[in-house]
Amino acid sequence: MYSTPWIKSLVALECRSLHLINKFNLRIKLNSKMNFVLSFHAKSYLAPQNTFSMLPMYKRVLLKLSGEALLGTDGHNEPFSPKIIEQYAQDIKSVIELGVQVAVVIGGGNIYRGMNEADSGIERAHGDYMGMLATVINGMAMQAMLEKIGVYTRLQSAINMEQVAEPYIRRKAMRHLEKGRVVIFGAGTGNPYFTTDTAGSLRAIEMKADVILKGTRVDGIYTADPEKDPTATKFEQLSYQECLDKRLKVMDMTAFTLCMENKLPIIVFDMNKQGNLLKVIEGMNIGTMVK
C-alpha cells in the first residue's frame, strides 16, 4: 500500500525500465482510503529492457514473410541467406523483448514456387503440397536462428510431421504465445489452392492478432511497382475498399477478403531494413496501413 500521489508514475517508469509490462500482471488501483495499491502476479521471467524505448502499440502480431526475401542480395545459389535470416531473427527478438507476442508465417518461394501444370508436368495440387513442405524448411531455418540467439520458439505444421514440428492446434499455439514463445506456422493451411498469404490471414484471425504485418522488399503500397516504375507514389494509409477500387495487389483476394471481413488491419513495410519491425510495433509511420 502506497500513500504518495506520485507512486503511479514512478511504478510505470520502473516497469518500463525493467520490462514488467506483459511479463507481470501489474495492477495499480485506489483502495477505500484513496491510497494506491500495487500488486504483482509473476507470470514469467524478468528481462532487461531499454528504458528509453517506446511502448508497443500492439500486444499480439502475425508477421508474414515471403520466401523469396530469404534469398537476400548476396547473389549466392543457396535457398536462403544466413545473413538475412539472422537479421530477421534479431528484429523479432527486439520485439519479443518489448513483451509483444509474435507469430510468423513464411512463404516457400525461395525453394519451390508453383509452376504452370502444362509447362512443368506437375499437377497443381501436387505442386502446392511441394510448396507447403518448402515453408516448413524455411520455418525450421528461422526457428534454428531464433533459438541460437536465445528466443524460445515452437514450429507448428498444418501437415503432420511429428519429428520436426508440432501439429497445428489453435489453443496450444495461443498458449505458446501467452508464454512469450515465437510460434512459426508451417505448411500453409494444409490444403492446396491456398497461398501462404491466405494462411497468414487465417492464422492471424485464429490467434486473435491485433494486426498482420506483411514484411516485403518494398517500403509500402505504391500506385505501381516502384522497382519497375520510378514515377510510382506511395500510399501512407488506405481503406480496404480503396485497395479494391484501385486494384492494388496487397495480398491475393482470398487473404485480403479474410482481413477485410474480420476487420484485421494490414501493414505492408520493408522488412529488409533492420529495425523497421520494431518501429512498426512502436507505432511509427513506417510502410502503409490498410484498415
C-alpha atoms as a PDB file:
ATOM      1  CA  MET A   1       0.000   0.000   0.000  1.00  0.00           C
ATOM      2  CA  TYR A   2       1.339   3.409  -1.010  1.00  0.00           C
ATOM      3  CA  SER A   3       0.020   6.790   0.137  1.00  0.00           C
ATOM      4  CA  THR A   4       2.123   9.116  -2.034  1.00  0.00           C
ATOM      5  CA  PRO A   5       0.241  10.510  -5.059  1.00  0.00           C
ATOM      6  CA  TRP A   6       3.199  10.193  -7.462  1.00  0.00           C
ATOM      7  CA  ILE A   7       3.684   6.446  -6.939  1.00  0.00           C
ATOM      8  CA  LYS A   8       1.707   5.528 -10.062  1.00  0.00           C
ATOM      9  CA  SER A   9       4.072   7.466 -12.335  1.00  0.00           C
ATOM     10  CA  LEU A  10       7.108   6.059 -10.556  1.00  0.00           C
ATOM     11  CA  VAL A  11       5.876   2.497 -10.858  1.00  0.00           C
ATOM     12  CA  ALA A  12       5.089   2.972 -14.564  1.00  0.00           C
ATOM     13  CA  LEU A  13       8.646   4.227 -15.164  1.00  0.00           C
ATOM     14  CA  GLU A  14      10.163   1.297 -13.302  1.00  0.00           C
ATOM     15  CA  CYS A  15       8.005  -1.203 -15.156  1.00  0.00           C
ATOM     16  CA  ARG A  16       9.044   0.255 -18.457  1.00  0.00           C
ATOM     17  CA  SER A  17      12.675   0.074 -17.461  1.00  0.00           C
ATOM     18  CA  LEU A  18      12.578  -3.481 -16.134  1.00  0.00           C
ATOM     19  CA  HIS A  19      10.102  -4.813 -18.701  1.00  0.00           C
ATOM     20  CA  LEU A  20       7.386  -5.850 -16.288  1.00  0.00           C
ATOM     21  CA  ILE A  21       4.658  -4.946 -18.756  1.00  0.00           C
ATOM     22  CA  ASN A  22       3.116  -8.181 -20.140  1.00  0.00           C
ATOM     23  CA  LYS A  23       5.652 -10.276 -18.232  1.00  0.00           C
ATOM     24  CA  PHE A  24       3.911  -9.432 -14.963  1.00  0.00           C
ATOM     25  CA  ASN A  25       0.274  -8.802 -14.308  1.00  0.00           C
ATOM     26  CA  LEU A  26       0.594  -5.291 -12.871  1.00  0.00           C
ATOM     27  CA  ARG A  27      -2.354  -3.841 -11.010  1.00  0.00           C
ATOM     28  CA  ILE A  28      -2.460  -0.291  -9.656  1.00  0.00           C
ATOM     29  CA  LYS A  29      -5.711   0.846  -8.084  1.00  0.00           C
ATOM     30  CA  LEU A  30      -7.157   3.082  -5.381  1.00  0.00           C
ATOM     31  CA  ASN A  31      -8.370   1.450  -2.200  1.00  0.00           C
ATOM     32  CA  SER A  32     -11.128   2.772   0.059  1.00  0.00           C
ATOM     33  CA  LYS A  33      -8.688   5.194   1.721  1.00  0.00           C
ATOM     34  CA  MET A  34      -7.659   6.687  -1.630  1.00  0.00           C
ATOM     35  CA  ASN A  35      -4.198   5.138  -1.390  1.00  0.00           C
ATOM     36  CA  PHE A  36      -2.546   3.434  -4.336  1.00  0.00           C
ATOM     37  CA  VAL A  37      -2.335  -0.331  -4.086  1.00  0.00           C
ATOM     38  CA  LEU A  38       0.265  -2.095  -6.185  1.00  0.00           C
ATOM     39  CA  SER A  39       0.262  -5.847  -6.713  1.00  0.00           C
ATOM     40  CA  PHE A  40       2.332  -8.092  -8.936  1.00  0.00           C
ATOM     41  CA  HIS A  41       1.443 -11.599 -10.050  1.00  0.00           C
ATOM     42  CA  ALA A  42       4.501 -13.191 -11.607  1.00  0.00           C
ATOM     43  CA  LYS A  43       3.851 -14.818 -14.967  1.00  0.00           C
ATOM     44  CA  SER A  44       7.307 -15.370 -16.329  1.00  0.00           C
ATOM     45  CA  TYR A  45      10.838 -14.025 -16.062  1.00  0.00           C
ATOM     46  CA  LEU A  46      12.315 -10.536 -15.799  1.00  0.00           C
ATOM     47  CA  ALA A  47      14.064  -9.415 -18.980  1.00  0.00           C
ATOM     48  CA  PRO A  48      16.367  -6.435 -19.476  1.00  0.00           C
ATOM     49  CA  GLN A  49      14.841  -3.599 -21.475  1.00  0.00           C
ATOM     50  CA  ASN A  50      15.922  -0.280 -22.908  1.00  0.00           C
ATOM     51  CA  THR A  51      14.477   2.395 -20.606  1.00  0.00           C
ATOM     52  CA  PHE A  52      14.116   4.871 -23.451  1.00  0.00           C
ATOM     53  CA  SER A  53      12.314   2.643 -25.972  1.00  0.00           C
ATOM     54  CA  MET A  54       8.720   3.399 -26.780  1.00  0.00           C
ATOM     55  CA  LEU A  55       5.909   1.188 -25.556  1.00  0.00           C
ATOM     56  CA  PRO A  56       4.427  -1.196 -28.141  1.00  0.00           C
ATOM     57  CA  MET A  57       1.244  -0.304 -29.994  1.00  0.00           C
ATOM     58  CA  TYR A  58       0.256  -3.960 -30.388  1.00  0.00           C
ATOM     59  CA  LYS A  59       0.121  -6.870 -27.971  1.00  0.00           C
ATOM     60  CA  ARG A  60      -0.033  -9.747 -30.481  1.00  0.00           C
ATOM     61  CA  VAL A  61       1.005  -9.655 -34.136  1.00  0.00           C
ATOM     62  CA  LEU A  62       1.385 -12.042 -37.031  1.00  0.00           C
ATOM     63  CA  LEU A  63       4.431 -11.441 -39.222  1.00  0.00           C
ATOM     64  CA  LYS A  64       4.077 -12.660 -42.813  1.00  0.00           C
ATOM     65  CA  LEU A  65       7.404 -13.082 -44.621  1.00  0.00           C
ATOM     66  CA  SER A  66       7.956 -14.049 -48.243  1.00  0.00           C
ATOM     67  CA  GLY A  67      10.201 -16.977 -49.034  1.00  0.00           C
ATOM     68  CA  GLU A  68      11.943 -15.007 -51.800  1.00  0.00           C
ATOM     69  CA  ALA A  69      13.073 -12.394 -49.249  1.00  0.00           C
ATOM     70  CA  LEU A  70      15.168 -15.075 -47.523  1.00  0.00           C
ATOM     71  CA  LEU A  71      17.396 -15.215 -50.607  1.00  0.00           C
ATOM     72  CA  GLY A  72      18.886 -11.855 -49.669  1.00  0.00           C
ATOM     73  CA  THR A  73      21.031  -9.885 -52.105  1.00  0.00           C
ATOM     74  CA  ASP A  74      24.283 -11.831 -51.786  1.00  0.00           C
ATOM     75  CA  GLY A  75      23.966 -13.441 -55.227  1.00  0.00           C
ATOM     76  CA  HIS A  76      24.583 -16.937 -53.851  1.00  0.00           C
ATOM     77  CA  ASN A  77      22.988 -20.157 -55.065  1.00  0.00           C
ATOM     78  CA  GLU A  78      21.665 -21.286 -51.683  1.00  0.00           C
ATOM     79  CA  PRO A  79      17.911 -21.299 -50.966  1.00  0.00           C
ATOM     80  CA  PHE A  80      18.337 -18.758 -48.167  1.00  0.00           C
ATOM     81  CA  SER A  81      20.900 -16.313 -46.870  1.00  0.00           C
ATOM     82  CA  PRO A  82      22.080 -16.873 -43.275  1.00  0.00           C
ATOM     83  CA  LYS A  83      22.716 -13.128 -43.073  1.00  0.00           C
ATOM     84  CA  ILE A  84      19.121 -12.162 -43.858  1.00  0.00           C
ATOM     85  CA  ILE A  85      17.671 -14.868 -41.600  1.00  0.00           C
ATOM     86  CA  GLU A  86      19.845 -13.625 -38.731  1.00  0.00           C
ATOM     87  CA  GLN A  87      18.688 -10.044 -39.341  1.00  0.00           C
ATOM     88  CA  TYR A  88      15.050 -11.139 -39.271  1.00  0.00           C
ATOM     89  CA  ALA A  89      15.673 -13.132 -36.093  1.00  0.00           C
ATOM     90  CA  GLN A  90      17.312 -10.162 -34.358  1.00  0.00           C
ATOM     91  CA  ASP A  91      14.411  -7.917 -35.367  1.00  0.00           C
ATOM     92  CA  ILE A  92      11.912 -10.421 -33.982  1.00  0.00           C
ATOM     93  CA  LYS A  93      13.916 -10.687 -30.767  1.00  0.00           C
ATOM     94  CA  SER A  94      13.835  -6.907 -30.278  1.00  0.00           C
ATOM     95  CA  VAL A  95      10.039  -7.033 -30.476  1.00  0.00           C
ATOM     96  CA  ILE A  96       9.759 -10.028 -28.114  1.00  0.00           C
ATOM     97  CA  GLU A  97      11.815  -8.083 -25.555  1.00  0.00           C
ATOM     98  CA  LEU A  98       9.067  -5.430 -25.527  1.00  0.00           C
ATOM     99  CA  GLY A  99       6.616  -8.110 -24.410  1.00  0.00           C
ATOM    100  CA  VAL A 100       4.875  -8.387 -27.795  1.00  0.00           C
ATOM    101  CA  GLN A 101       3.570 -11.845 -28.768  1.00  0.00           C
ATOM    102  CA  VAL A 102       4.759 -12.821 -32.265  1.00  0.00           C
ATOM    103  CA  ALA A 103       3.516 -15.466 -34.678  1.00  0.00           C
ATOM    104  CA  VAL A 104       5.242 -15.985 -38.037  1.00  0.00           C
ATOM    105  CA  VAL A 105       4.184 -17.361 -41.418  1.00  0.00           C
ATOM    106  CA  ILE A 106       6.865 -17.744 -44.108  1.00  0.00           C
ATOM    107  CA  GLY A 107       6.332 -18.469 -47.795  1.00  0.00           C
ATOM    108  CA  GLY A 108       8.297 -21.112 -49.700  1.00  0.00           C
ATOM    109  CA  GLY A 109       9.050 -19.387 -52.999  1.00  0.00           C
ATOM    110  CA  ASN A 110      12.809 -19.444 -52.422  1.00  0.00           C
ATOM    111  CA  ILE A 111      12.738 -23.271 -52.571  1.00  0.00           C
ATOM    112  CA  TYR A 112       9.754 -24.135 -54.734  1.00  0.00           C
ATOM    113  CA  ARG A 113       7.209 -21.944 -56.439  1.00  0.00           C
ATOM    114  CA  GLY A 114       4.117 -23.317 -58.136  1.00  0.00           C
ATOM    115  CA  MET A 115       4.513 -23.523 -61.897  1.00  0.00           C
ATOM    116  CA  ASN A 116       2.148 -23.900 -64.793  1.00  0.00           C
ATOM    117  CA  GLU A 117       0.999 -27.503 -64.988  1.00  0.00           C
ATOM    118  CA  ALA A 118       1.335 -27.556 -68.765  1.00  0.00           C
ATOM    119  CA  ASP A 119       4.967 -26.399 -68.556  1.00  0.00           C
ATOM    120  CA  SER A 120       6.130 -28.443 -65.552  1.00  0.00           C
ATOM    121  CA  GLY A 121       4.018 -31.570 -65.891  1.00  0.00           C
ATOM    122  CA  ILE A 122       3.266 -31.339 -62.150  1.00  0.00           C
ATOM    123  CA  GLU A 123      -0.402 -31.247 -61.178  1.00  0.00           C
ATOM    124  CA  ARG A 124      -1.418 -28.035 -59.367  1.00  0.00           C
ATOM    125  CA  ALA A 125      -2.473 -29.744 -56.122  1.00  0.00           C
ATOM    126  CA  HIS A 126       0.703 -31.855 -56.096  1.00  0.00           C
ATOM    127  CA  GLY A 127       2.827 -28.759 -56.648  1.00  0.00           C
ATOM    128  CA  ASP A 128       1.035 -26.914 -53.838  1.00  0.00           C
ATOM    129  CA  TYR A 129       1.912 -29.694 -51.399  1.00  0.00           C
ATOM    130  CA  MET A 130       5.555 -29.407 -52.501  1.00  0.00           C
ATOM    131  CA  GLY A 131       5.341 -25.687 -51.703  1.00  0.00           C
ATOM    132  CA  MET A 132       3.919 -26.452 -48.254  1.00  0.00           C
ATOM    133  CA  LEU A 133       6.942 -28.631 -47.478  1.00  0.00           C
ATOM    134  CA  ALA A 134       9.181 -25.742 -48.561  1.00  0.00           C
ATOM    135  CA  THR A 135       7.534 -23.463 -45.981  1.00  0.00           C
ATOM    136  CA  VAL A 136       8.344 -25.992 -43.248  1.00  0.00           C
ATOM    137  CA  ILE A 137      12.016 -25.965 -44.293  1.00  0.00           C
ATOM    138  CA  ASN A 138      12.027 -22.148 -44.072  1.00  0.00           C
ATOM    139  CA  GLY A 139      10.284 -22.348 -40.703  1.00  0.00           C
ATOM    140  CA  MET A 140      12.941 -24.719 -39.399  1.00  0.00           C
ATOM    141  CA  ALA A 141      15.688 -22.353 -40.582  1.00  0.00           C
ATOM    142  CA  MET A 142      14.048 -19.398 -38.819  1.00  0.00           C
ATOM    143  CA  GLN A 143      13.467 -21.488 -35.688  1.00  0.00           C
ATOM    144  CA  ALA A 144      17.126 -22.518 -35.571  1.00  0.00           C
ATOM    145  CA  MET A 145      18.333 -18.920 -35.870  1.00  0.00           C
ATOM    146  CA  LEU A 146      15.889 -17.596 -33.258  1.00  0.00           C
ATOM    147  CA  GLU A 147      16.881 -20.239 -30.735  1.00  0.00           C
ATOM    148  CA  LYS A 148      20.563 -19.597 -31.458  1.00  0.00           C
ATOM    149  CA  ILE A 149      20.099 -16.017 -30.185  1.00  0.00           C
ATOM    150  CA  GLY A 150      18.064 -17.078 -27.145  1.00  0.00           C
ATOM    151  CA  VAL A 151      14.450 -16.786 -28.314  1.00  0.00           C
ATOM    152  CA  TYR A 152      12.116 -19.640 -27.391  1.00  0.00           C
ATOM    153  CA  THR A 153      10.086 -20.910 -30.339  1.00  0.00           C
ATOM    154  CA  ARG A 154       7.586 -23.516 -31.443  1.00  0.00           C
ATOM    155  CA  LEU A 155       7.138 -24.684 -35.025  1.00  0.00           C
ATOM    156  CA  GLN A 156       3.658 -25.926 -35.866  1.00  0.00           C
ATOM    157  CA  SER A 157       2.785 -27.598 -39.150  1.00  0.00           C
ATOM    158  CA  ALA A 158      -0.604 -27.950 -40.835  1.00  0.00           C
ATOM    159  CA  ILE A 159       0.720 -31.252 -42.256  1.00  0.00           C
ATOM    160  CA  ASN A 160       1.670 -33.802 -39.613  1.00  0.00           C
ATOM    161  CA  MET A 161       5.415 -34.387 -39.359  1.00  0.00           C
ATOM    162  CA  GLU A 162       5.970 -35.129 -35.676  1.00  0.00           C
ATOM    163  CA  GLN A 163       9.752 -35.491 -35.902  1.00  0.00           C
ATOM    164  CA  VAL A 164      10.278 -31.834 -36.830  1.00  0.00           C
ATOM    165  CA  ALA A 165       7.166 -29.880 -35.820  1.00  0.00           C
ATOM    166  CA  GLU A 166       4.121 -29.907 -33.598  1.00  0.00           C
ATOM    167  CA  PRO A 167       0.772 -30.428 -35.318  1.00  0.00           C
ATOM    168  CA  TYR A 168      -1.208 -27.217 -35.618  1.00  0.00           C
ATOM    169  CA  ILE A 169      -3.534 -26.917 -32.614  1.00  0.00           C
ATOM    170  CA  ARG A 170      -5.075 -23.474 -32.191  1.00  0.00           C
ATOM    171  CA  ARG A 171      -5.412 -23.440 -28.400  1.00  0.00           C
ATOM    172  CA  LYS A 172      -1.892 -24.811 -27.952  1.00  0.00           C
ATOM    173  CA  ALA A 173      -0.495 -22.150 -30.282  1.00  0.00           C
ATOM    174  CA  MET A 174      -2.236 -19.402 -28.310  1.00  0.00           C
ATOM    175  CA  ARG A 175      -0.816 -20.782 -25.079  1.00  0.00           C
ATOM    176  CA  HIS A 176       2.693 -20.709 -26.560  1.00  0.00           C
ATOM    177  CA  LEU A 177       2.188 -17.051 -27.483  1.00  0.00           C
ATOM    178  CA  GLU A 178       0.977 -16.227 -23.979  1.00  0.00           C
ATOM    179  CA  LYS A 179       4.177 -17.764 -22.610  1.00  0.00           C
ATOM    180  CA  GLY A 180       6.296 -15.468 -24.766  1.00  0.00           C
ATOM    181  CA  ARG A 181       7.330 -18.040 -27.381  1.00  0.00           C
ATOM    182  CA  VAL A 182       7.518 -17.210 -31.066  1.00  0.00           C
ATOM    183  CA  VAL A 183       5.139 -19.530 -32.920  1.00  0.00           C
ATOM    184  CA  ILE A 184       6.076 -20.308 -36.530  1.00  0.00           C
ATOM    185  CA  PHE A 185       3.285 -21.741 -38.662  1.00  0.00           C
ATOM    186  CA  GLY A 186       4.416 -24.023 -41.482  1.00  0.00           C
ATOM    187  CA  ALA A 187       2.745 -25.877 -44.359  1.00  0.00           C
ATOM    188  CA  GLY A 188       0.287 -23.086 -45.141  1.00  0.00           C
ATOM    189  CA  THR A 189      -3.312 -24.029 -44.438  1.00  0.00           C
ATOM    190  CA  GLY A 190      -2.578 -27.705 -45.135  1.00  0.00           C
ATOM    191  CA  ASN A 191      -4.726 -27.521 -48.268  1.00  0.00           C
ATOM    192  CA  PRO A 192      -3.806 -26.972 -51.929  1.00  0.00           C
ATOM    193  CA  TYR A 193      -5.068 -23.948 -53.883  1.00  0.00           C
ATOM    194  CA  PHE A 194      -4.449 -21.599 -50.927  1.00  0.00           C
ATOM    195  CA  THR A 195      -1.450 -19.258 -50.740  1.00  0.00           C
ATOM    196  CA  THR A 196       0.710 -18.520 -47.707  1.00  0.00           C
ATOM    197  CA  ASP A 197      -0.864 -15.035 -47.679  1.00  0.00           C
ATOM    198  CA  THR A 198      -4.185 -16.747 -47.031  1.00  0.00           C
ATOM    199  CA  ALA A 199      -2.534 -18.934 -44.387  1.00  0.00           C
ATOM    200  CA  GLY A 200      -1.148 -15.789 -42.729  1.00  0.00           C
ATOM    201  CA  SER A 201      -4.541 -14.059 -42.682  1.00  0.00           C
ATOM    202  CA  LEU A 202      -6.269 -17.187 -41.390  1.00  0.00           C
ATOM    203  CA  ARG A 203      -3.754 -17.792 -38.588  1.00  0.00           C
ATOM    204  CA  ALA A 204      -3.801 -14.103 -37.593  1.00  0.00           C
ATOM    205  CA  ILE A 205      -7.571 -14.233 -37.204  1.00  0.00           C
ATOM    206  CA  GLU A 206      -7.441 -17.550 -35.320  1.00  0.00           C
ATOM    207  CA  MET A 207      -4.743 -16.213 -32.974  1.00  0.00           C
ATOM    208  CA  LYS A 208      -6.752 -13.008 -32.417  1.00  0.00           C
ATOM    209  CA  ALA A 209      -3.801 -10.912 -33.564  1.00  0.00           C
ATOM    210  CA  ASP A 210      -4.110  -7.130 -33.427  1.00  0.00           C
ATOM    211  CA  VAL A 211      -2.557  -6.699 -36.871  1.00  0.00           C
ATOM    212  CA  ILE A 212      -0.922  -8.652 -39.689  1.00  0.00           C
ATOM    213  CA  LEU A 213       2.489  -7.299 -40.669  1.00  0.00           C
ATOM    214  CA  LYS A 214       3.500  -8.102 -44.229  1.00  0.00           C
ATOM    215  CA  GLY A 215       7.272  -7.804 -44.491  1.00  0.00           C
ATOM    216  CA  THR A 216       8.400  -7.261 -48.084  1.00  0.00           C
ATOM    217  CA  ARG A 217      11.291  -5.775 -50.051  1.00  0.00           C
ATOM    218  CA  VAL A 218       9.265  -2.590 -50.656  1.00  0.00           C
ATOM    219  CA  ASP A 219       8.523   0.060 -48.014  1.00  0.00           C
ATOM    220  CA  GLY A 220       4.756   0.113 -48.504  1.00  0.00           C
ATOM    221  CA  ILE A 221       1.995   0.042 -51.103  1.00  0.00           C
ATOM    222  CA  TYR A 222       2.532   2.085 -54.283  1.00  0.00           C
ATOM    223  CA  THR A 223       0.425   3.115 -57.261  1.00  0.00           C
ATOM    224  CA  ALA A 224       2.659   0.797 -59.328  1.00  0.00           C
ATOM    225  CA  ASP A 225       5.662  -1.444 -58.807  1.00  0.00           C
ATOM    226  CA  PRO A 226       8.378   1.003 -57.616  1.00  0.00           C
ATOM    227  CA  GLU A 227      11.109  -1.389 -58.799  1.00  0.00           C
ATOM    228  CA  LYS A 228       9.803  -1.048 -62.376  1.00  0.00           C
ATOM    229  CA  ASP A 229       8.109   2.378 -62.398  1.00  0.00           C
ATOM    230  CA  PRO A 230      10.164   5.293 -60.969  1.00  0.00           C
ATOM    231  CA  THR A 231       7.069   7.542 -61.020  1.00  0.00           C
ATOM    232  CA  ALA A 232       5.144   5.283 -58.612  1.00  0.00           C
ATOM    233  CA  THR A 233       3.926   7.068 -55.484  1.00  0.00           C
ATOM    234  CA  LYS A 234       3.462   5.577 -52.034  1.00  0.00           C
ATOM    235  CA  PHE A 235       0.244   5.449 -50.028  1.00  0.00           C
ATOM    236  CA  GLU A 236       0.515   6.196 -46.305  1.00  0.00           C
ATOM    237  CA  GLN A 237      -2.884   4.727 -45.430  1.00  0.00           C
ATOM    238  CA  LEU A 238      -5.694   3.043 -47.318  1.00  0.00           C
ATOM    239  CA  SER A 239      -9.092   1.583 -46.599  1.00  0.00           C
ATOM    240  CA  TYR A 240      -9.993  -1.927 -47.702  1.00  0.00           C
ATOM    241  CA  GLN A 241     -12.425  -0.502 -50.262  1.00  0.00           C
ATOM    242  CA  GLU A 242      -9.787   1.848 -51.708  1.00  0.00           C
ATOM    243  CA  CYS A 243      -7.495  -1.128 -52.290  1.00  0.00           C
ATOM    244  CA  LEU A 244     -10.282  -2.892 -54.169  1.00  0.00           C
ATOM    245  CA  ASP A 245     -11.260   0.196 -56.174  1.00  0.00           C
ATOM    246  CA  LYS A 246      -7.654   0.928 -57.166  1.00  0.00           C
ATOM    247  CA  ARG A 247      -6.960  -2.789 -57.844  1.00  0.00           C
ATOM    248  CA  LEU A 248      -3.901  -2.729 -55.585  1.00  0.00           C
ATOM    249  CA  LYS A 249      -2.321  -6.134 -55.092  1.00  0.00           C
ATOM    250  CA  VAL A 250      -1.783  -6.082 -51.339  1.00  0.00           C
ATOM    251  CA  MET A 251      -2.451  -9.825 -50.988  1.00  0.00           C
ATOM    252  CA  ASP A 252      -4.312 -12.400 -53.012  1.00  0.00           C
ATOM    253  CA  MET A 253      -8.055 -11.820 -52.980  1.00  0.00           C
ATOM    254  CA  THR A 254      -8.880 -14.679 -50.577  1.00  0.00           C
ATOM    255  CA  ALA A 255      -6.373 -13.442 -47.991  1.00  0.00           C
ATOM    256  CA  PHE A 256      -7.438  -9.815 -48.401  1.00  0.00           C
ATOM    257  CA  THR A 257     -11.131 -10.667 -48.076  1.00  0.00           C
ATOM    258  CA  LEU A 258     -10.470 -12.565 -44.840  1.00  0.00           C
ATOM    259  CA  CYS A 259      -8.768  -9.485 -43.375  1.00  0.00           C
ATOM    260  CA  MET A 260     -11.493  -7.141 -44.592  1.00  0.00           C
ATOM    261  CA  GLU A 261     -14.391  -9.247 -43.284  1.00  0.00           C
ATOM    262  CA  ASN A 262     -12.722  -9.642 -39.876  1.00  0.00           C
ATOM    263  CA  LYS A 263     -11.518  -6.005 -39.707  1.00  0.00           C
ATOM    264  CA  LEU A 264      -7.897  -7.118 -39.327  1.00  0.00           C
ATOM    265  CA  PRO A 265      -5.507  -4.227 -40.120  1.00  0.00           C
ATOM    266  CA  ILE A 266      -2.650  -4.887 -42.559  1.00  0.00           C
ATOM    267  CA  ILE A 267       0.687  -3.082 -42.503  1.00  0.00           C
ATOM    268  CA  VAL A 268       2.972  -3.519 -45.511  1.00  0.00           C
ATOM    269  CA  PHE A 269       6.582  -2.483 -44.821  1.00  0.00           C
ATOM    270  CA  ASP A 270      10.196  -3.120 -45.793  1.00  0.00           C
ATOM    271  CA  MET A 271      11.418  -5.979 -43.603  1.00  0.00           C
ATOM    272  CA  ASN A 272      14.890  -5.971 -45.160  1.00  0.00           C
ATOM    273  CA  LYS A 273      15.764  -2.693 -43.451  1.00  0.00           C
ATOM    274  CA  GLN A 274      16.962  -3.603 -39.974  1.00  0.00           C
ATOM    275  CA  GLY A 275      14.945  -2.055 -37.162  1.00  0.00           C
ATOM    276  CA  ASN A 276      11.814  -1.439 -39.241  1.00  0.00           C
ATOM    277  CA  LEU A 277       9.840  -4.166 -37.469  1.00  0.00           C
ATOM    278  CA  LEU A 278      10.449  -2.525 -34.094  1.00  0.00           C
ATOM    279  CA  LYS A 279       9.453   0.876 -35.486  1.00  0.00           C
ATOM    280  CA  VAL A 280       6.183  -0.549 -36.808  1.00  0.00           C
ATOM    281  CA  ILE A 281       5.431  -2.134 -33.427  1.00  0.00           C
ATOM    282  CA  GLU A 282       6.133   1.190 -31.702  1.00  0.00           C
ATOM    283  CA  GLY A 283       3.589   2.898 -33.954  1.00  0.00           C
ATOM    284  CA  MET A 284       5.985   4.893 -36.111  1.00  0.00           C
ATOM    285  CA  ASN A 285       4.888   5.866 -39.622  1.00  0.00           C
ATOM    286  CA  ILE A 286       6.592   3.018 -41.451  1.00  0.00           C
ATOM    287  CA  GLY A 287       5.097   1.378 -44.546  1.00  0.00           C
ATOM    288  CA  THR A 288       1.410   1.530 -45.479  1.00  0.00           C
ATOM    289  CA  MET A 289      -1.546   0.778 -43.214  1.00  0.00           C
ATOM    290  CA  VAL A 290      -4.708  -0.816 -44.627  1.00  0.00           C
ATOM    291  CA  LYS A 291      -7.741  -0.819 -42.345  1.00  0.00           C
END
